[in-house]
C-alpha atoms as a PDB file:
ATOM      1  CA  MET A   1      -5.394  69.210  46.921  1.00  0.00           C
ATOM      2  CA  LYS A   2      -4.248  72.765  46.430  1.00  0.00           C
ATOM      3  CA  ILE A   3      -3.820  74.708  43.219  1.00  0.00           C
ATOM      4  CA  TYR A   4      -1.462  77.640  42.816  1.00  0.00           C
ATOM      5  CA  VAL A   5      -0.787  80.237  40.155  1.00  0.00           C
ATOM      6  CA  LEU A   6       2.845  80.033  39.105  1.00  0.00           C
ATOM      7  CA  ASP A   7       4.630  83.393  39.218  1.00  0.00           C
ATOM      8  CA  GLN A   8       8.172  84.668  38.883  1.00  0.00           C
ATOM      9  CA  ASP A   9      10.334  85.773  41.780  1.00  0.00           C
ATOM     10  CA  TYR A  10      11.571  89.124  40.526  1.00  0.00           C
ATOM     11  CA  SER A  11      14.471  89.206  42.984  1.00  0.00           C
ATOM     12  CA  TYR A  12      16.317  86.960  40.488  1.00  0.00           C
ATOM     13  CA  GLN A  13      17.635  87.562  36.970  1.00  0.00           C
ATOM     14  CA  SER A  14      15.280  88.175  34.080  1.00  0.00           C
ATOM     15  CA  ILE A  15      16.062  87.306  30.475  1.00  0.00           C
ATOM     16  CA  ALA A  16      15.127  88.750  27.096  1.00  0.00           C
ATOM     17  CA  PRO A  17      15.476  87.670  23.464  1.00  0.00           C
ATOM     18  CA  ILE A  18      18.431  89.091  21.612  1.00  0.00           C
ATOM     19  CA  LYS A  19      16.232  89.620  18.527  1.00  0.00           C
ATOM     20  CA  GLU A  20      12.759  91.132  19.027  1.00  0.00           C
ATOM     21  CA  GLN A  21      11.117  88.931  16.367  1.00  0.00           C
ATOM     22  CA  LEU A  22      11.847  85.871  18.504  1.00  0.00           C
ATOM     23  CA  PHE A  23       8.800  86.776  20.584  1.00  0.00           C
ATOM     24  CA  ASP A  24       6.740  85.751  17.531  1.00  0.00           C
ATOM     25  CA  GLN A  25       8.090  82.223  17.964  1.00  0.00           C
ATOM     26  CA  LEU A  26       7.149  82.240  21.654  1.00  0.00           C
ATOM     27  CA  GLU A  27       3.619  83.506  20.998  1.00  0.00           C
ATOM     28  CA  GLN A  28       2.829  80.230  19.242  1.00  0.00           C
ATOM     29  CA  LEU A  29       3.305  78.250  22.436  1.00  0.00           C
ATOM     30  CA  GLY A  30       0.414  76.093  23.583  1.00  0.00           C
ATOM     31  CA  LYS A  31       0.480  73.833  20.535  1.00  0.00           C
ATOM     32  CA  SER A  32       3.280  71.443  19.623  1.00  0.00           C
ATOM     33  CA  LEU A  33       6.359  73.202  18.247  1.00  0.00           C
ATOM     34  CA  ILE A  34       9.064  70.595  18.790  1.00  0.00           C
ATOM     35  CA  LYS A  35       9.350  69.463  15.137  1.00  0.00           C
ATOM     36  CA  ASN A  36      10.301  72.898  13.792  1.00  0.00           C
ATOM     37  CA  TRP A  37      11.878  74.403  16.905  1.00  0.00           C
ATOM     38  CA  GLU A  38      15.155  76.255  16.557  1.00  0.00           C
ATOM     39  CA  SER A  39      16.869  77.307  19.744  1.00  0.00           C
ATOM     40  CA  ILE A  40      16.300  80.929  20.710  1.00  0.00           C
ATOM     41  CA  GLU A  41      19.214  82.978  21.950  1.00  0.00           C
ATOM     42  CA  LEU A  42      18.454  84.956  25.096  1.00  0.00           C
ATOM     43  CA  LYS A  43      20.429  87.369  27.229  1.00  0.00           C
ATOM     44  CA  VAL A  44      20.379  88.823  30.702  1.00  0.00           C
ATOM     45  CA  PRO A  45      19.757  92.568  30.356  1.00  0.00           C
ATOM     46  CA  GLU A  46      22.476  94.782  31.847  1.00  0.00           C
ATOM     47  CA  SER A  47      20.040  96.076  34.479  1.00  0.00           C
ATOM     48  CA  LYS A  48      19.478  92.495  35.732  1.00  0.00           C
ATOM     49  CA  LYS A  49      23.048  91.160  35.677  1.00  0.00           C
ATOM     50  CA  GLU A  50      23.674  91.968  39.332  1.00  0.00           C
ATOM     51  CA  PHE A  51      20.641  89.919  40.436  1.00  0.00           C
ATOM     52  CA  PRO A  52      21.275  86.294  41.466  1.00  0.00           C
ATOM     53  CA  ARG A  53      20.795  83.527  38.890  1.00  0.00           C
ATOM     54  CA  SER A  54      17.806  81.235  39.216  1.00  0.00           C
ATOM     55  CA  ASP A  55      16.547  77.857  38.090  1.00  0.00           C
ATOM     56  CA  PHE A  56      13.643  79.645  36.372  1.00  0.00           C
ATOM     57  CA  PRO A  57      14.870  82.918  34.837  1.00  0.00           C
ATOM     58  CA  ASN A  58      11.974  85.269  34.095  1.00  0.00           C
ATOM     59  CA  LEU A  59      10.963  85.601  30.443  1.00  0.00           C
ATOM     60  CA  LEU A  60       7.151  85.564  30.120  1.00  0.00           C
ATOM     61  CA  THR A  61       4.550  84.595  32.729  1.00  0.00           C
ATOM     62  CA  ASN A  62       3.110  81.834  30.552  1.00  0.00           C
ATOM     63  CA  VAL A  63       6.509  80.494  29.403  1.00  0.00           C
ATOM     64  CA  PRO A  64       8.536  79.109  32.297  1.00  0.00           C
ATOM     65  CA  VAL A  65      12.227  78.696  31.492  1.00  0.00           C
ATOM     66  CA  PHE A  66      13.963  75.804  33.267  1.00  0.00           C
ATOM     67  CA  SER A  67      17.640  75.407  34.103  1.00  0.00           C
ATOM     68  CA  GLN A  68      19.190  72.004  33.410  1.00  0.00           C
ATOM     69  CA  LYS A  69      18.767  71.115  37.109  1.00  0.00           C
ATOM     70  CA  ALA A  70      15.092  72.138  37.109  1.00  0.00           C
ATOM     71  CA  LYS A  71      14.441  70.207  33.887  1.00  0.00           C
ATOM     72  CA  GLU A  72      15.992  67.066  35.382  1.00  0.00           C
ATOM     73  CA  CYS A  73      13.820  67.419  38.506  1.00  0.00           C
ATOM     74  CA  PHE A  74      10.553  67.853  36.601  1.00  0.00           C
ATOM     75  CA  TYR A  75      11.106  66.006  33.323  1.00  0.00           C
ATOM     76  CA  GLY A  76       9.262  62.829  34.303  1.00  0.00           C
ATOM     77  CA  LEU A  77       6.252  64.735  35.615  1.00  0.00           C
ATOM     78  CA  LEU A  78       6.002  67.391  32.918  1.00  0.00           C
ATOM     79  CA  ARG A  79       7.080  65.636  29.712  1.00  0.00           C
ATOM     80  CA  PRO A  80       3.561  64.239  29.074  1.00  0.00           C
ATOM     81  CA  LEU A  81       2.082  67.739  29.530  1.00  0.00           C
ATOM     82  CA  GLY A  82       4.218  69.753  27.126  1.00  0.00           C
ATOM     83  CA  GLU A  83       7.608  70.224  25.501  1.00  0.00           C
ATOM     84  CA  PHE A  84      11.005  71.314  26.744  1.00  0.00           C
ATOM     85  CA  LEU A  85      12.351  73.583  23.983  1.00  0.00           C
ATOM     86  CA  THR A  86      16.045  74.456  24.050  1.00  0.00           C
ATOM     87  CA  VAL A  87      16.963  78.101  24.501  1.00  0.00           C
ATOM     88  CA  THR A  88      20.437  79.498  25.062  1.00  0.00           C
ATOM     89  CA  ILE A  89      21.166  82.069  27.740  1.00  0.00           C
ATOM     90  CA  GLU A  90      24.632  83.488  27.286  1.00  0.00           C
ATOM     91  CA  ASN A  91      26.018  80.223  25.864  1.00  0.00           C
ATOM     92  CA  GLU A  92      24.307  77.964  28.426  1.00  0.00           C
ATOM     93  CA  ASP A  93      21.386  75.653  27.610  1.00  0.00           C
ATOM     94  CA  TYR A  94      18.052  76.274  29.301  1.00  0.00           C
ATOM     95  CA  TYR A  95      14.584  75.049  28.336  1.00  0.00           C
ATOM     96  CA  ALA A  96      11.447  77.044  27.597  1.00  0.00           C
ATOM     97  CA  TYR A  97       8.544  74.872  28.662  1.00  0.00           C
ATOM     98  CA  ASN A  98       5.722  74.795  26.137  1.00  0.00           C
ATOM     99  CA  LEU A  99       2.743  73.711  28.247  1.00  0.00           C
ATOM    100  CA  THR A 100       0.156  72.082  25.992  1.00  0.00           C
ATOM    101  CA  ASN A 101      -2.028  70.706  28.815  1.00  0.00           C
ATOM    102  CA  ILE A 102      -5.160  72.872  28.660  1.00  0.00           C
ATOM    103  CA  ILE A 103      -7.952  71.743  30.983  1.00  0.00           C
ATOM    104  CA  ASP A 104     -11.460  73.188  30.904  1.00  0.00           C
ATOM    105  CA  GLY A 105     -11.666  72.768  34.661  1.00  0.00           C
ATOM    106  CA  LEU A 106     -12.834  76.171  35.866  1.00  0.00           C
ATOM    107  CA  ASP A 107     -16.334  76.130  37.357  1.00  0.00           C
ATOM    108  CA  GLU A 108     -17.418  79.507  35.967  1.00  0.00           C
ATOM    109  CA  GLU A 109     -20.720  79.542  37.844  1.00  0.00           C
ATOM    110  CA  GLN A 110     -19.054  79.049  41.241  1.00  0.00           C
ATOM    111  CA  SER A 111     -16.043  81.269  40.478  1.00  0.00           C
ATOM    112  CA  GLU A 112     -16.101  85.017  40.920  1.00  0.00           C
ATOM    113  CA  VAL A 113     -15.224  86.607  37.578  1.00  0.00           C
ATOM    114  CA  LYS A 114     -15.177  90.052  36.006  1.00  0.00           C
ATOM    115  CA  ARG A 115     -16.400  90.088  32.414  1.00  0.00           C
ATOM    116  CA  PHE A 116     -16.026  92.455  29.496  1.00  0.00           C
ATOM    117  CA  VAL A 117     -19.352  94.239  29.009  1.00  0.00           C
ATOM    118  CA  SER A 118     -19.176  94.145  25.216  1.00  0.00           C
ATOM    119  CA  SER A 119     -18.405  90.438  24.710  1.00  0.00           C
ATOM    120  CA  GLY A 120     -19.160  88.757  28.030  1.00  0.00           C
ATOM    121  CA  ARG A 121     -15.714  87.112  27.949  1.00  0.00           C
ATOM    122  CA  ILE A 122     -13.850  86.756  31.205  1.00  0.00           C
ATOM    123  CA  MET A 123     -11.566  89.716  31.847  1.00  0.00           C
ATOM    124  CA  ARG A 124     -10.266  88.532  35.233  1.00  0.00           C
ATOM    125  CA  ILE A 125     -10.862  85.694  37.650  1.00  0.00           C
ATOM    126  CA  VAL A 126     -11.252  87.111  41.160  1.00  0.00           C
ATOM    127  CA  LYS A 127     -11.934  83.806  42.943  1.00  0.00           C
ATOM    128  CA  HIS A 128     -11.230  80.438  41.335  1.00  0.00           C
ATOM    129  CA  GLU A 129     -13.445  77.399  41.773  1.00  0.00           C
ATOM    130  CA  PHE A 130     -12.448  74.284  39.902  1.00  0.00           C
ATOM    131  CA  VAL A 131     -14.329  71.109  39.022  1.00  0.00           C
ATOM    132  CA  PRO A 132     -12.442  68.689  41.323  1.00  0.00           C
ATOM    133  CA  GLU A 133     -12.721  65.702  38.973  1.00  0.00           C
ATOM    134  CA  LYS A 134     -11.107  67.668  36.141  1.00  0.00           C
ATOM    135  CA  VAL A 135      -8.105  68.991  38.082  1.00  0.00           C
ATOM    136  CA  LYS A 136      -7.439  66.349  40.755  1.00  0.00           C
ATOM    137  CA  GLU A 137      -4.659  64.551  38.831  1.00  0.00           C
ATOM    138  CA  GLN A 138      -3.183  67.661  37.193  1.00  0.00           C
ATOM    139  CA  ILE A 139       0.356  68.764  38.043  1.00  0.00           C
ATOM    140  CA  MET A 140       0.551  71.759  35.669  1.00  0.00           C
ATOM    141  CA  PHE A 141      -2.116  73.137  33.359  1.00  0.00           C
ATOM    142  CA  LYS A 142      -3.696  76.141  31.721  1.00  0.00           C
ATOM    143  CA  ILE A 143      -7.383  76.940  31.428  1.00  0.00           C
ATOM    144  CA  PRO A 144      -9.078  78.402  28.333  1.00  0.00           C
ATOM    145  CA  GLN A 145     -10.543  81.284  30.360  1.00  0.00           C
ATOM    146  CA  ASP A 146      -7.070  82.503  31.419  1.00  0.00           C
ATOM    147  CA  PRO A 147      -4.430  81.371  28.878  1.00  0.00           C
ATOM    148  CA  GLY A 148      -1.841  83.788  30.282  1.00  0.00           C
ATOM    149  CA  SER A 149      -1.570  81.951  33.615  1.00  0.00           C
ATOM    150  CA  ILE A 150      -0.068  78.620  34.548  1.00  0.00           C
ATOM    151  CA  TYR A 151      -1.617  76.600  37.349  1.00  0.00           C
ATOM    152  CA  VAL A 152       0.309  74.030  39.381  1.00  0.00           C
ATOM    153  CA  SER A 153      -0.610  71.520  42.073  1.00  0.00           C
ATOM    154  CA  ASP A 154       0.793  71.084  45.538  1.00  0.00           C
ATOM    155  CA  LEU A 155       2.854  68.174  44.132  1.00  0.00           C
ATOM    156  CA  PHE A 156       4.698  70.613  41.844  1.00  0.00           C
ATOM    157  CA  VAL A 157       5.355  72.989  44.770  1.00  0.00           C
ATOM    158  CA  GLU A 158       6.574  70.128  46.995  1.00  0.00           C
ATOM    159  CA  LYS A 159       9.021  68.924  44.338  1.00  0.00           C
ATOM    160  CA  TYR A 160      10.248  72.505  43.773  1.00  0.00           C
ATOM    161  CA  ASN A 161      10.920  72.914  47.513  1.00  0.00           C
ATOM    162  CA  GLN A 162      12.382  69.420  47.920  1.00  0.00           C
ATOM    163  CA  HIS A 163      15.056  70.134  45.288  1.00  0.00           C
ATOM    164  CA  GLU A 164      15.752  73.624  46.695  1.00  0.00           C
ATOM    165  CA  LEU A 165      15.052  75.337  43.387  1.00  0.00           C
ATOM    166  CA  VAL A 166      14.784  79.127  43.170  1.00  0.00           C
ATOM    167  CA  GLY A 167      13.136  81.661  40.885  1.00  0.00           C
ATOM    168  CA  LEU A 168       9.417  80.988  41.282  1.00  0.00           C
ATOM    169  CA  LYS A 169       6.654  82.042  43.626  1.00  0.00           C
ATOM    170  CA  PHE A 170       3.342  80.301  44.145  1.00  0.00           C
ATOM    171  CA  ARG A 171       0.050  81.981  45.041  1.00  0.00           C
ATOM    172  CA  GLU A 172      -2.493  79.552  46.457  1.00  0.00           C
ATOM    173  CA  ILE A 173      -5.849  80.103  44.763  1.00  0.00           C
ATOM    174  CA  TRP A 174      -7.818  76.954  45.546  1.00  0.00           C
ATOM    175  CA  ASN A 175      -7.864  74.371  48.311  1.00  0.00           C
ATOM    176  CA  LYS A 176     -10.208  71.412  47.908  1.00  0.00           C
ATOM    177  CA  ASN A 177      -9.991  70.736  51.642  1.00  0.00           C
ATOM    178  CA  ALA A 178     -10.893  74.314  52.604  1.00  0.00           C
END
């Protein structure tokens, strides 16, 4: 099993909220929001309009936005792990994915980490080591030590490639077989 950090491919269009305060709504992601969710209106900034469209337009690193095609490809796998929240990009429906699957699967003792001197909290993970039993069945997850990153399995990457989706990059960070 391999684990990757999900990242955006910046050679495709980025998106931004039309109203700045909408970022407040997005900062609450990680806990269920579906009951009170109101679609957010997004736009492609003028400087990004000439870039090609993607199945995962770039908004925030910890909030993947799915096209309808991407949602259909991943819905069965990801629905139990979070919520697809409707957003509108220039009058077309897309879905911000609110990942609520947080796994305490990082083996901090075996990982190489940089810590803040004052608090001892993890500032950055240089080399990831996971507890295999905690991550072996995970397709997409976050860890408490790095809530700004999304981790995906090789199954996610295979499905992404199989459906010829575009807009993401994957950086391999852990290989159980290595």
